[in-house]
Amino acid sequence: MGHPVTTNPLIIMLINMTVVFIVLVALMYMIKLIHLVDPTKPKEEPAKPVAKLAPAPVPAPAPAPPVEEEGIPSEVVAAIAAAVASCGASGQIRSIRPVNREGWKQSGRMHGIHSV
């Protein structure tokens, strides 16, 4: 009884993946069931009848597209600031400037050629 049933790694992998898949499917259905019987969900009220002579709503004017400034987008600046702050650097970031260095691209290409 102390010996394993099989030592074939493919059989063990298939058994493990099957068990994981079955557990995931069971969790999926459990979550769907919880959403169906959720007691904290607000009750839906019946729809009120709409008057037939109601004027059609006037659509709101479309907002103007945001003006993009030249330079680095604000999302990139926020990501760089967060990365610097997470490294523990103190102080103020005075400027963020893109640096065009073709050498890095060339170095990557050469590394890719020599590593093959």
PDB file of N, CA and C in Angstrom:
ATOM      1  N   MET A   1       0.821  -1.190   0.000  1.00  0.00           N
ATOM      2  CA  MET A   1       0.000   0.000   0.000  1.00  0.00           C
ATOM      3  C   MET A   1       0.864   1.252   0.000  1.00  0.00           C
ATOM      4  N   GLY A   2       2.125   1.129   0.313  1.00  0.00           N
ATOM      5  CA  GLY A   2       2.996   2.287   0.382  1.00  0.00           C
ATOM      6  C   GLY A   2       3.538   2.706  -0.966  1.00  0.00           C
ATOM      7  N   HIS A   3       3.301   1.900  -2.012  1.00  0.00           N
ATOM      8  CA  HIS A   3       3.838   2.221  -3.336  1.00  0.00           C
ATOM      9  C   HIS A   3       2.833   3.050  -4.129  1.00  0.00           C
ATOM     10  N   PRO A   4       3.348   4.016  -4.932  1.00  0.00           N
ATOM     11  CA  PRO A   4       2.417   4.807  -5.746  1.00  0.00           C
ATOM     12  C   PRO A   4       1.770   3.940  -6.819  1.00  0.00           C
ATOM     13  N   VAL A   5       0.574   4.344  -7.241  1.00  0.00           N
ATOM     14  CA  VAL A   5      -0.152   3.606  -8.261  1.00  0.00           C
ATOM     15  C   VAL A   5       0.573   3.710  -9.593  1.00  0.00           C
ATOM     16  N   THR A   6       1.078   4.902  -9.907  1.00  0.00           N
ATOM     17  CA  THR A   6       1.809   5.086 -11.143  1.00  0.00           C
ATOM     18  C   THR A   6       2.954   6.063 -10.919  1.00  0.00           C
ATOM     19  N   THR A   7       3.980   5.908 -11.700  1.00  0.00           N
ATOM     20  CA  THR A   7       5.106   6.840 -11.660  1.00  0.00           C
ATOM     21  C   THR A   7       5.245   7.559 -12.994  1.00  0.00           C
ATOM     22  N   ASN A   8       4.310   7.322 -13.900  1.00  0.00           N
ATOM     23  CA  ASN A   8       4.355   7.976 -15.200  1.00  0.00           C
ATOM     24  C   ASN A   8       3.978   9.448 -15.025  1.00  0.00           C
ATOM     25  N   PRO A   9       4.883  10.378 -15.345  1.00  0.00           N
ATOM     26  CA  PRO A   9       4.589  11.793 -15.107  1.00  0.00           C
ATOM     27  C   PRO A   9       3.431  12.324 -15.957  1.00  0.00           C
ATOM     28  N   LEU A  10       3.195  11.774 -17.132  1.00  0.00           N
ATOM     29  CA  LEU A  10       2.097  12.241 -17.966  1.00  0.00           C
ATOM     30  C   LEU A  10       0.744  11.896 -17.345  1.00  0.00           C
ATOM     31  N   ILE A  11       0.630  10.716 -16.775  1.00  0.00           N
ATOM     32  CA  ILE A  11      -0.616  10.315 -16.119  1.00  0.00           C
ATOM     33  C   ILE A  11      -0.863  11.192 -14.900  1.00  0.00           C
ATOM     34  N   ILE A  12       0.183  11.438 -14.123  1.00  0.00           N
ATOM     35  CA  ILE A  12       0.058  12.284 -12.935  1.00  0.00           C
ATOM     36  C   ILE A  12      -0.367  13.686 -13.342  1.00  0.00           C
ATOM     37  N   MET A  13       0.235  14.232 -14.423  1.00  0.00           N
ATOM     38  CA  MET A  13      -0.123  15.567 -14.906  1.00  0.00           C
ATOM     39  C   MET A  13      -1.581  15.619 -15.338  1.00  0.00           C
ATOM     40  N   LEU A  14      -2.037  14.624 -16.075  1.00  0.00           N
ATOM     41  CA  LEU A  14      -3.425  14.597 -16.539  1.00  0.00           C
ATOM     42  C   LEU A  14      -4.408  14.523 -15.372  1.00  0.00           C
ATOM     43  N   ILE A  15      -4.085  13.720 -14.373  1.00  0.00           N
ATOM     44  CA  ILE A  15      -4.953  13.618 -13.193  1.00  0.00           C
ATOM     45  C   ILE A  15      -5.011  14.958 -12.466  1.00  0.00           C
ATOM     46  N   ASN A  16      -3.860  15.589 -12.267  1.00  0.00           N
ATOM     47  CA  ASN A  16      -3.814  16.873 -11.559  1.00  0.00           C
ATOM     48  C   ASN A  16      -4.562  17.960 -12.332  1.00  0.00           C
ATOM     49  N   MET A  17      -4.370  18.020 -13.642  1.00  0.00           N
ATOM     50  CA  MET A  17      -5.050  19.041 -14.431  1.00  0.00           C
ATOM     51  C   MET A  17      -6.559  18.809 -14.452  1.00  0.00           C
ATOM     52  N   THR A  18      -6.971  17.549 -14.468  1.00  0.00           N
ATOM     53  CA  THR A  18      -8.397  17.243 -14.439  1.00  0.00           C
ATOM     54  C   THR A  18      -9.015  17.677 -13.121  1.00  0.00           C
ATOM     55  N   VAL A  19      -8.339  17.410 -12.028  1.00  0.00           N
ATOM     56  CA  VAL A  19      -8.846  17.810 -10.716  1.00  0.00           C
ATOM     57  C   VAL A  19      -8.944  19.328 -10.627  1.00  0.00           C
ATOM     58  N   VAL A  20      -7.927  20.037 -11.085  1.00  0.00           N
ATOM     59  CA  VAL A  20      -7.943  21.501 -11.037  1.00  0.00           C
ATOM     60  C   VAL A  20      -9.080  22.039 -11.901  1.00  0.00           C
ATOM     61  N   PHE A  21      -9.271  21.484 -13.096  1.00  0.00           N
ATOM     62  CA  PHE A  21     -10.330  21.938 -13.996  1.00  0.00           C
ATOM     63  C   PHE A  21     -11.704  21.721 -13.368  1.00  0.00           C
ATOM     64  N   ILE A  22     -11.905  20.568 -12.760  1.00  0.00           N
ATOM     65  CA  ILE A  22     -13.194  20.272 -12.119  1.00  0.00           C
ATOM     66  C   ILE A  22     -13.452  21.230 -10.957  1.00  0.00           C
ATOM     67  N   VAL A  23     -12.430  21.526 -10.181  1.00  0.00           N
ATOM     68  CA  VAL A  23     -12.589  22.461  -9.065  1.00  0.00           C
ATOM     69  C   VAL A  23     -12.924  23.862  -9.583  1.00  0.00           C
ATOM     70  N   LEU A  24     -12.265  24.295 -10.659  1.00  0.00           N
ATOM     71  CA  LEU A  24     -12.553  25.619 -11.215  1.00  0.00           C
ATOM     72  C   LEU A  24     -13.980  25.704 -11.754  1.00  0.00           C
ATOM     73  N   VAL A  25     -14.443  24.669 -12.416  1.00  0.00           N
ATOM     74  CA  VAL A  25     -15.811  24.663 -12.929  1.00  0.00           C
ATOM     75  C   VAL A  25     -16.799  24.684 -11.762  1.00  0.00           C
ATOM     76  N   ALA A  26     -16.518  23.915 -10.706  1.00  0.00           N
ATOM     77  CA  ALA A  26     -17.400  23.916  -9.538  1.00  0.00           C
ATOM     78  C   ALA A  26     -17.447  25.303  -8.893  1.00  0.00           C
ATOM     79  N   LEU A  27     -16.314  25.989  -8.804  1.00  0.00           N
ATOM     80  CA  LEU A  27     -16.293  27.340  -8.249  1.00  0.00           C
ATOM     81  C   LEU A  27     -17.072  28.312  -9.127  1.00  0.00           C
ATOM     82  N   MET A  28     -16.977  28.144 -10.446  1.00  0.00           N
ATOM     83  CA  MET A  28     -17.709  29.013 -11.356  1.00  0.00           C
ATOM     84  C   MET A  28     -19.212  28.891 -11.117  1.00  0.00           C
ATOM     85  N   TYR A  29     -19.698  27.652 -11.011  1.00  0.00           N
ATOM     86  CA  TYR A  29     -21.129  27.459 -10.787  1.00  0.00           C
ATOM     87  C   TYR A  29     -21.546  27.920  -9.400  1.00  0.00           C
ATOM     88  N   MET A  30     -20.659  27.795  -8.426  1.00  0.00           N
ATOM     89  CA  MET A  30     -20.976  28.264  -7.089  1.00  0.00           C
ATOM     90  C   MET A  30     -21.121  29.788  -7.070  1.00  0.00           C
ATOM     91  N   ILE A  31     -20.257  30.472  -7.798  1.00  0.00           N
ATOM     92  CA  ILE A  31     -20.332  31.935  -7.876  1.00  0.00           C
ATOM     93  C   ILE A  31     -21.612  32.355  -8.590  1.00  0.00           C
ATOM     94  N   LYS A  32     -21.970  31.649  -9.670  1.00  0.00           N
ATOM     95  CA  LYS A  32     -23.218  31.971 -10.375  1.00  0.00           C
ATOM     96  C   LYS A  32     -24.421  31.764  -9.464  1.00  0.00           C
ATOM     97  N   LEU A  33     -24.399  30.714  -8.656  1.00  0.00           N
ATOM     98  CA  LEU A  33     -25.492  30.447  -7.735  1.00  0.00           C
ATOM     99  C   LEU A  33     -25.592  31.542  -6.684  1.00  0.00           C
ATOM    100  N   ILE A  34     -24.466  31.991  -6.184  1.00  0.00           N
ATOM    101  CA  ILE A  34     -24.464  33.060  -5.187  1.00  0.00           C
ATOM    102  C   ILE A  34     -25.031  34.337  -5.786  1.00  0.00           C
ATOM    103  N   HIS A  35     -24.700  34.631  -7.044  1.00  0.00           N
ATOM    104  CA  HIS A  35     -25.246  35.830  -7.690  1.00  0.00           C
ATOM    105  C   HIS A  35     -26.764  35.726  -7.870  1.00  0.00           C
ATOM    106  N   LEU A  36     -27.274  34.527  -8.076  1.00  0.00           N
ATOM    107  CA  LEU A  36     -28.711  34.371  -8.250  1.00  0.00           C
ATOM    108  C   LEU A  36     -29.479  34.570  -6.947  1.00  0.00           C
ATOM    109  N   VAL A  37     -28.928  34.109  -5.837  1.00  0.00           N
ATOM    110  CA  VAL A  37     -29.643  34.178  -4.559  1.00  0.00           C
ATOM    111  C   VAL A  37     -29.067  35.245  -3.636  1.00  0.00           C
ATOM    112  N   ASP A  38     -28.404  36.238  -4.190  1.00  0.00           N
ATOM    113  CA  ASP A  38     -27.758  37.287  -3.401  1.00  0.00           C
ATOM    114  C   ASP A  38     -28.802  38.094  -2.630  1.00  0.00           C
ATOM    115  N   PRO A  39     -28.784  38.042  -1.291  1.00  0.00           N
ATOM    116  CA  PRO A  39     -29.782  38.784  -0.516  1.00  0.00           C
ATOM    117  C   PRO A  39     -29.487  40.280  -0.452  1.00  0.00           C
ATOM    118  N   THR A  40     -28.293  40.703  -0.764  1.00  0.00           N
ATOM    119  CA  THR A  40     -27.947  42.122  -0.680  1.00  0.00           C
ATOM    120  C   THR A  40     -28.243  42.876  -1.964  1.00  0.00           C
ATOM    121  N   LYS A  41     -28.679  42.164  -3.009  1.00  0.00           N
ATOM    122  CA  LYS A  41     -28.974  42.814  -4.281  1.00  0.00           C
ATOM    123  C   LYS A  41     -30.248  43.640  -4.127  1.00  0.00           C
ATOM    124  N   PRO A  42     -30.251  44.908  -4.617  1.00  0.00           N
ATOM    125  CA  PRO A  42     -31.465  45.718  -4.482  1.00  0.00           C
ATOM    126  C   PRO A  42     -32.598  45.137  -5.322  1.00  0.00           C
ATOM    127  N   LYS A  43     -33.800  45.265  -4.781  1.00  0.00           N
ATOM    128  CA  LYS A  43     -34.983  44.748  -5.487  1.00  0.00           C
ATOM    129  C   LYS A  43     -35.268  45.620  -6.700  1.00  0.00           C
ATOM    130  N   GLU A  44     -35.661  44.985  -7.802  1.00  0.00           N
ATOM    131  CA  GLU A  44     -35.994  45.720  -9.008  1.00  0.00           C
ATOM    132  C   GLU A  44     -37.444  46.186  -8.924  1.00  0.00           C
ATOM    133  N   GLU A  45     -37.655  47.474  -9.211  1.00  0.00           N
ATOM    134  CA  GLU A  45     -38.999  48.026  -9.185  1.00  0.00           C
ATOM    135  C   GLU A  45     -39.609  47.885 -10.570  1.00  0.00           C
ATOM    136  N   PRO A  46     -40.925  47.685 -10.639  1.00  0.00           N
ATOM    137  CA  PRO A  46     -41.543  47.583 -11.963  1.00  0.00           C
ATOM    138  C   PRO A  46     -41.412  48.898 -12.711  1.00  0.00           C
ATOM    139  N   ALA A  47     -41.278  48.810 -14.030  1.00  0.00           N
ATOM    140  CA  ALA A  47     -41.106  49.996 -14.858  1.00  0.00           C
ATOM    141  C   ALA A  47     -42.399  50.797 -14.886  1.00  0.00           C
ATOM    142  N   LYS A  48     -42.267  52.115 -14.799  1.00  0.00           N
ATOM    143  CA  LYS A  48     -43.423  52.998 -14.838  1.00  0.00           C
ATOM    144  C   LYS A  48     -43.795  53.243 -16.302  1.00  0.00           C
ATOM    145  N   PRO A  49     -45.083  53.334 -16.607  1.00  0.00           N
ATOM    146  CA  PRO A  49     -45.473  53.607 -17.992  1.00  0.00           C
ATOM    147  C   PRO A  49     -45.045  55.009 -18.398  1.00  0.00           C
ATOM    148  N   VAL A  50     -44.599  55.130 -19.633  1.00  0.00           N
ATOM    149  CA  VAL A  50     -44.116  56.402 -20.156  1.00  0.00           C
ATOM    150  C   VAL A  50     -45.259  57.075 -20.910  1.00  0.00           C
ATOM    151  N   ALA A  51     -45.434  58.381 -20.709  1.00  0.00           N
ATOM    152  CA  ALA A  51     -46.470  59.128 -21.421  1.00  0.00           C
ATOM    153  C   ALA A  51     -46.145  59.141 -22.903  1.00  0.00           C
ATOM    154  N   LYS A  52     -47.165  58.999 -23.747  1.00  0.00           N
ATOM    155  CA  LYS A  52     -46.950  58.900 -25.186  1.00  0.00           C
ATOM    156  C   LYS A  52     -46.594  60.238 -25.806  1.00  0.00           C
ATOM    157  N   LEU A  53     -46.973  61.356 -25.174  1.00  0.00           N
ATOM    158  CA  LEU A  53     -46.722  62.662 -25.755  1.00  0.00           C
ATOM    159  C   LEU A  53     -45.487  63.325 -25.160  1.00  0.00           C
ATOM    160  N   ALA A  54     -44.642  62.562 -24.532  1.00  0.00           N
ATOM    161  CA  ALA A  54     -43.442  63.128 -23.936  1.00  0.00           C
ATOM    162  C   ALA A  54     -42.489  63.573 -25.045  1.00  0.00           C
ATOM    163  N   PRO A  55     -41.896  64.755 -24.898  1.00  0.00           N
ATOM    164  CA  PRO A  55     -40.960  65.210 -25.924  1.00  0.00           C
ATOM    165  C   PRO A  55     -39.698  64.346 -25.911  1.00  0.00           C
ATOM    166  N   ALA A  56     -39.131  64.208 -27.083  1.00  0.00           N
ATOM    167  CA  ALA A  56     -37.906  63.410 -27.196  1.00  0.00           C
ATOM    168  C   ALA A  56     -36.773  64.138 -26.483  1.00  0.00           C
ATOM    169  N   PRO A  57     -35.973  63.412 -25.734  1.00  0.00           N
ATOM    170  CA  PRO A  57     -34.875  64.084 -25.030  1.00  0.00           C
ATOM    171  C   PRO A  57     -33.841  64.595 -26.032  1.00  0.00           C
ATOM    172  N   VAL A  58     -33.336  65.770 -25.740  1.00  0.00           N
ATOM    173  CA  VAL A  58     -32.311  66.374 -26.591  1.00  0.00           C
ATOM    174  C   VAL A  58     -30.964  65.826 -26.151  1.00  0.00           C
ATOM    175  N   PRO A  59     -30.207  65.255 -27.075  1.00  0.00           N
ATOM    176  CA  PRO A  59     -28.902  64.714 -26.670  1.00  0.00           C
ATOM    177  C   PRO A  59     -27.963  65.831 -26.238  1.00  0.00           C
ATOM    178  N   ALA A  60     -27.182  65.540 -25.237  1.00  0.00           N
ATOM    179  CA  ALA A  60     -26.217  66.517 -24.743  1.00  0.00           C
ATOM    180  C   ALA A  60     -25.121  66.696 -25.783  1.00  0.00           C
ATOM    181  N   PRO A  61     -24.578  67.891 -25.875  1.00  0.00           N
ATOM    182  CA  PRO A  61     -23.498  68.092 -26.850  1.00  0.00           C
ATOM    183  C   PRO A  61     -22.291  67.231 -26.473  1.00  0.00           C
ATOM    184  N   ALA A  62     -21.627  66.745 -27.491  1.00  0.00           N
ATOM    185  CA  ALA A  62     -20.465  65.885 -27.261  1.00  0.00           C
ATOM    186  C   ALA A  62     -19.358  66.709 -26.624  1.00  0.00           C
ATOM    187  N   PRO A  63     -18.696  66.147 -25.624  1.00  0.00           N
ATOM    188  CA  PRO A  63     -17.599  66.891 -25.000  1.00  0.00           C
ATOM    189  C   PRO A  63     -16.449  67.058 -25.992  1.00  0.00           C
ATOM    190  N   ALA A  64     -15.761  68.146 -25.845  1.00  0.00           N
ATOM    191  CA  ALA A  64     -14.628  68.409 -26.740  1.00  0.00           C
ATOM    192  C   ALA A  64     -13.538  67.392 -26.471  1.00  0.00           C
ATOM    193  N   PRO A  65     -12.862  66.928 -27.514  1.00  0.00           N
ATOM    194  CA  PRO A  65     -11.778  65.971 -27.285  1.00  0.00           C
ATOM    195  C   PRO A  65     -10.665  66.621 -26.474  1.00  0.00           C
ATOM    196  N   PRO A  66     -10.033  65.860 -25.592  1.00  0.00           N
ATOM    197  CA  PRO A  66      -8.984  66.450 -24.765  1.00  0.00           C
ATOM    198  C   PRO A  66      -7.805  66.897 -25.631  1.00  0.00           C
ATOM    199  N   VAL A  67      -7.269  68.003 -25.271  1.00  0.00           N
ATOM    200  CA  VAL A  67      -6.131  68.547 -26.008  1.00  0.00           C
ATOM    201  C   VAL A  67      -4.887  67.830 -25.525  1.00  0.00           C
ATOM    202  N   GLU A  68      -4.168  67.219 -26.445  1.00  0.00           N
ATOM    203  CA  GLU A  68      -2.955  66.510 -26.078  1.00  0.00           C
ATOM    204  C   GLU A  68      -1.760  67.426 -26.276  1.00  0.00           C
ATOM    205  N   GLU A  69      -0.978  67.518 -25.245  1.00  0.00           N
ATOM    206  CA  GLU A  69       0.211  68.345 -25.321  1.00  0.00           C
ATOM    207  C   GLU A  69       1.350  67.521 -25.904  1.00  0.00           C
ATOM    208  N   GLU A  70       2.301  68.229 -26.458  1.00  0.00           N
ATOM    209  CA  GLU A  70       3.466  67.521 -26.969  1.00  0.00           C
ATOM    210  C   GLU A  70       4.288  67.039 -25.789  1.00  0.00           C
ATOM    211  N   GLY A  71       4.985  65.953 -26.003  1.00  0.00           N
ATOM    212  CA  GLY A  71       5.835  65.447 -24.945  1.00  0.00           C
ATOM    213  C   GLY A  71       5.336  64.112 -24.430  1.00  0.00           C
ATOM    214  N   ILE A  72       5.620  63.857 -23.179  1.00  0.00           N
ATOM    215  CA  ILE A  72       5.299  62.581 -22.568  1.00  0.00           C
ATOM    216  C   ILE A  72       3.864  62.617 -22.063  1.00  0.00           C
ATOM    217  N   PRO A  73       3.066  61.574 -22.353  1.00  0.00           N
ATOM    218  CA  PRO A  73       1.685  61.537 -21.853  1.00  0.00           C
ATOM    219  C   PRO A  73       1.650  61.495 -20.326  1.00  0.00           C
ATOM    220  N   SER A  74       0.560  61.998 -19.754  1.00  0.00           N
ATOM    221  CA  SER A  74       0.460  62.077 -18.299  1.00  0.00           C
ATOM    222  C   SER A  74       0.466  60.701 -17.641  1.00  0.00           C
ATOM    223  N   GLU A  75      -0.045  59.667 -18.347  1.00  0.00           N
ATOM    224  CA  GLU A  75      -0.024  58.312 -17.779  1.00  0.00           C
ATOM    225  C   GLU A  75       1.405  57.823 -17.599  1.00  0.00           C
ATOM    226  N   VAL A  76       2.264  58.147 -18.563  1.00  0.00           N
ATOM    227  CA  VAL A  76       3.665  57.718 -18.477  1.00  0.00           C
ATOM    228  C   VAL A  76       4.362  58.455 -17.336  1.00  0.00           C
ATOM    229  N   VAL A  77       4.073  59.747 -17.189  1.00  0.00           N
ATOM    230  CA  VAL A  77       4.671  60.522 -16.102  1.00  0.00           C
ATOM    231  C   VAL A  77       4.231  59.959 -14.753  1.00  0.00           C
ATOM    232  N   ALA A  78       2.959  59.602 -14.625  1.00  0.00           N
ATOM    233  CA  ALA A  78       2.469  59.033 -13.365  1.00  0.00           C
ATOM    234  C   ALA A  78       3.133  57.699 -13.070  1.00  0.00           C
ATOM    235  N   ALA A  79       3.327  56.867 -14.103  1.00  0.00           N
ATOM    236  CA  ALA A  79       3.974  55.570 -13.897  1.00  0.00           C
ATOM    237  C   ALA A  79       5.430  55.749 -13.489  1.00  0.00           C
ATOM    238  N   ILE A  80       6.126  56.691 -14.097  1.00  0.00           N
ATOM    239  CA  ILE A  80       7.530  56.927 -13.741  1.00  0.00           C
ATOM    240  C   ILE A  80       7.622  57.459 -12.315  1.00  0.00           C
ATOM    241  N   ALA A  81       6.739  58.378 -11.949  1.00  0.00           N
ATOM    242  CA  ALA A  81       6.760  58.926 -10.590  1.00  0.00           C
ATOM    243  C   ALA A  81       6.474  57.846  -9.555  1.00  0.00           C
ATOM    244  N   ALA A  82       5.529  56.955  -9.861  1.00  0.00           N
ATOM    245  CA  ALA A  82       5.224  55.863  -8.928  1.00  0.00           C
ATOM    246  C   ALA A  82       6.404  54.911  -8.794  1.00  0.00           C
ATOM    247  N   ALA A  83       7.088  54.637  -9.905  1.00  0.00           N
ATOM    248  CA  ALA A  83       8.240  53.735  -9.849  1.00  0.00           C
ATOM    249  C   ALA A  83       9.372  54.343  -9.036  1.00  0.00           C
ATOM    250  N   VAL A  84       9.617  55.630  -9.208  1.00  0.00           N
ATOM    251  CA  VAL A  84      10.672  56.294  -8.447  1.00  0.00           C
ATOM    252  C   VAL A  84      10.315  56.320  -6.967  1.00  0.00           C
ATOM    253  N   ALA A  85       9.046  56.598  -6.651  1.00  0.00           N
ATOM    254  CA  ALA A  85       8.625  56.641  -5.253  1.00  0.00           C
ATOM    255  C   ALA A  85       8.694  55.258  -4.610  1.00  0.00           C
ATOM    256  N   SER A  86       8.390  54.211  -5.365  1.00  0.00           N
ATOM    257  CA  SER A  86       8.426  52.863  -4.796  1.00  0.00           C
ATOM    258  C   SER A  86       9.846  52.391  -4.532  1.00  0.00           C
ATOM    259  N   CYS A  87      10.810  52.990  -5.206  1.00  0.00           N
ATOM    260  CA  CYS A  87      12.212  52.634  -4.959  1.00  0.00           C
ATOM    261  C   CYS A  87      12.748  53.299  -3.707  1.00  0.00           C
ATOM    262  N   GLY A  88      11.960  54.175  -3.104  1.00  0.00           N
ATOM    263  CA  GLY A  88      12.374  54.803  -1.861  1.00  0.00           C
ATOM    264  C   GLY A  88      13.104  56.114  -2.069  1.00  0.00           C
ATOM    265  N   ALA A  89      13.103  56.643  -3.279  1.00  0.00           N
ATOM    266  CA  ALA A  89      13.776  57.908  -3.527  1.00  0.00           C
ATOM    267  C   ALA A  89      12.950  59.033  -2.938  1.00  0.00           C
ATOM    268  N   SER A  90      13.636  59.941  -2.259  1.00  0.00           N
ATOM    269  CA  SER A  90      12.931  61.088  -1.716  1.00  0.00           C
ATOM    270  C   SER A  90      13.318  62.319  -2.524  1.00  0.00           C
ATOM    271  N   GLY A  91      12.518  63.315  -2.453  1.00  0.00           N
ATOM    272  CA  GLY A  91      12.803  64.521  -3.214  1.00  0.00           C
ATOM    273  C   GLY A  91      11.715  64.760  -4.237  1.00  0.00           C
ATOM    274  N   GLN A  92      12.001  65.662  -5.146  1.00  0.00           N
ATOM    275  CA  GLN A  92      11.012  66.057  -6.134  1.00  0.00           C
ATOM    276  C   GLN A  92      11.557  65.771  -7.524  1.00  0.00           C
ATOM    277  N   ILE A  93      10.707  65.240  -8.383  1.00  0.00           N
ATOM    278  CA  ILE A  93      11.105  64.994  -9.769  1.00  0.00           C
ATOM    279  C   ILE A  93      10.962  66.324 -10.494  1.00  0.00           C
ATOM    280  N   ARG A  94      12.068  66.802 -11.046  1.00  0.00           N
ATOM    281  CA  ARG A  94      12.043  68.114 -11.682  1.00  0.00           C
ATOM    282  C   ARG A  94      11.677  68.033 -13.151  1.00  0.00           C
ATOM    283  N   SER A  95      12.127  67.005 -13.838  1.00  0.00           N
ATOM    284  CA  SER A  95      11.787  66.900 -15.260  1.00  0.00           C
ATOM    285  C   SER A  95      11.938  65.454 -15.702  1.00  0.00           C
ATOM    286  N   ILE A  96      11.170  65.120 -16.711  1.00  0.00           N
ATOM    287  CA  ILE A  96      11.258  63.806 -17.343  1.00  0.00           C
ATOM    288  C   ILE A  96      11.414  64.066 -18.831  1.00  0.00           C
ATOM    289  N   ARG A  97      12.551  63.655 -19.351  1.00  0.00           N
ATOM    290  CA  ARG A  97      12.820  63.915 -20.761  1.00  0.00           C
ATOM    291  C   ARG A  97      13.112  62.603 -21.463  1.00  0.00           C
ATOM    292  N   PRO A  98      12.550  62.408 -22.643  1.00  0.00           N
ATOM    293  CA  PRO A  98      12.899  61.214 -23.415  1.00  0.00           C
ATOM    294  C   PRO A  98      14.302  61.364 -23.989  1.00  0.00           C
ATOM    295  N   VAL A  99      15.042  60.296 -23.964  1.00  0.00           N
ATOM    296  CA  VAL A  99      16.395  60.306 -24.504  1.00  0.00           C
ATOM    297  C   VAL A  99      16.419  59.336 -25.671  1.00  0.00           C
ATOM    298  N   ASN A 100      16.766  59.819 -26.818  1.00  0.00           N
ATOM    299  CA  ASN A 100      16.862  58.967 -27.998  1.00  0.00           C
ATOM    300  C   ASN A 100      18.273  58.407 -28.080  1.00  0.00           C
ATOM    301  N   ARG A 101      18.388  57.161 -27.766  1.00  0.00           N
ATOM    302  CA  ARG A 101      19.680  56.483 -27.841  1.00  0.00           C
ATOM    303  C   ARG A 101      19.527  55.293 -28.765  1.00  0.00           C
ATOM    304  N   GLU A 102      20.032  55.442 -29.936  1.00  0.00           N
ATOM    305  CA  GLU A 102      19.958  54.370 -30.913  1.00  0.00           C
ATOM    306  C   GLU A 102      20.878  53.216 -30.523  1.00  0.00           C
ATOM    307  N   GLY A 103      21.836  53.469 -29.661  1.00  0.00           N
ATOM    308  CA  GLY A 103      22.777  52.431 -29.256  1.00  0.00           C
ATOM    309  C   GLY A 103      22.101  51.263 -28.562  1.00  0.00           C
ATOM    310  N   TRP A 104      21.060  51.546 -27.758  1.00  0.00           N
ATOM    311  CA  TRP A 104      20.357  50.480 -27.058  1.00  0.00           C
ATOM    312  C   TRP A 104      19.645  49.565 -28.045  1.00  0.00           C
ATOM    313  N   LYS A 105      19.033  50.168 -29.058  1.00  0.00           N
ATOM    314  CA  LYS A 105      18.358  49.350 -30.058  1.00  0.00           C
ATOM    315  C   LYS A 105      19.359  48.470 -30.785  1.00  0.00           C
ATOM    316  N   GLN A 106      20.463  49.074 -31.160  1.00  0.00           N
ATOM    317  CA  GLN A 106      21.488  48.313 -31.879  1.00  0.00           C
ATOM    318  C   GLN A 106      22.067  47.222 -30.990  1.00  0.00           C
ATOM    319  N   SER A 107      22.258  47.523 -29.710  1.00  0.00           N
ATOM    320  CA  SER A 107      22.782  46.526 -28.786  1.00  0.00           C
ATOM    321  C   SER A 107      21.821  45.344 -28.661  1.00  0.00           C
ATOM    322  N   GLY A 108      20.535  45.629 -28.598  1.00  0.00           N
ATOM    323  CA  GLY A 108      19.544  44.555 -28.533  1.00  0.00           C
ATOM    324  C   GLY A 108      19.538  43.705 -29.781  1.00  0.00           C
ATOM    325  N   ARG A 109      19.671  44.356 -30.932  1.00  0.00           N
ATOM    326  CA  ARG A 109      19.724  43.600 -32.184  1.00  0.00           C
ATOM    327  C   ARG A 109      20.953  42.705 -32.229  1.00  0.00           C
ATOM    328  N   MET A 110      22.086  43.247 -31.816  1.00  0.00           N
ATOM    329  CA  MET A 110      23.330  42.460 -31.842  1.00  0.00           C
ATOM    330  C   MET A 110      23.251  41.304 -30.846  1.00  0.00           C
ATOM    331  N   HIS A 111      22.659  41.554 -29.699  1.00  0.00           N
ATOM    332  CA  HIS A 111      22.510  40.485 -28.698  1.00  0.00           C
ATOM    333  C   HIS A 111      21.611  39.380 -29.258  1.00  0.00           C
ATOM    334  N   GLY A 112      20.552  39.775 -29.958  1.00  0.00           N
ATOM    335  CA  GLY A 112      19.663  38.795 -30.568  1.00  0.00           C
ATOM    336  C   GLY A 112      20.344  37.974 -31.647  1.00  0.00           C
ATOM    337  N   ILE A 113      21.234  38.612 -32.388  1.00  0.00           N
ATOM    338  CA  ILE A 113      21.948  37.896 -33.452  1.00  0.00           C
ATOM    339  C   ILE A 113      22.958  36.931 -32.855  1.00  0.00           C
ATOM    340  N   HIS A 114      23.680  37.367 -31.835  1.00  0.00           N
ATOM    341  CA  HIS A 114      24.752  36.536 -31.267  1.00  0.00           C
ATOM    342  C   HIS A 114      24.245  35.439 -30.352  1.00  0.00           C
ATOM    343  N   SER A 115      23.017  35.578 -29.840  1.00  0.00           N
ATOM    344  CA  SER A 115      22.522  34.566 -28.913  1.00  0.00           C
ATOM    345  C   SER A 115      21.878  33.393 -29.638  1.00  0.00           C
ATOM    346  N   VAL A 116      21.679  33.503 -30.933  1.00  0.00           N
ATOM    347  CA  VAL A 116      21.023  32.420 -31.678  1.00  0.00           C
ATOM    348  C   VAL A 116      21.937  31.271 -31.898  1.00  0.00           C
TER     349      VAL A 116
END
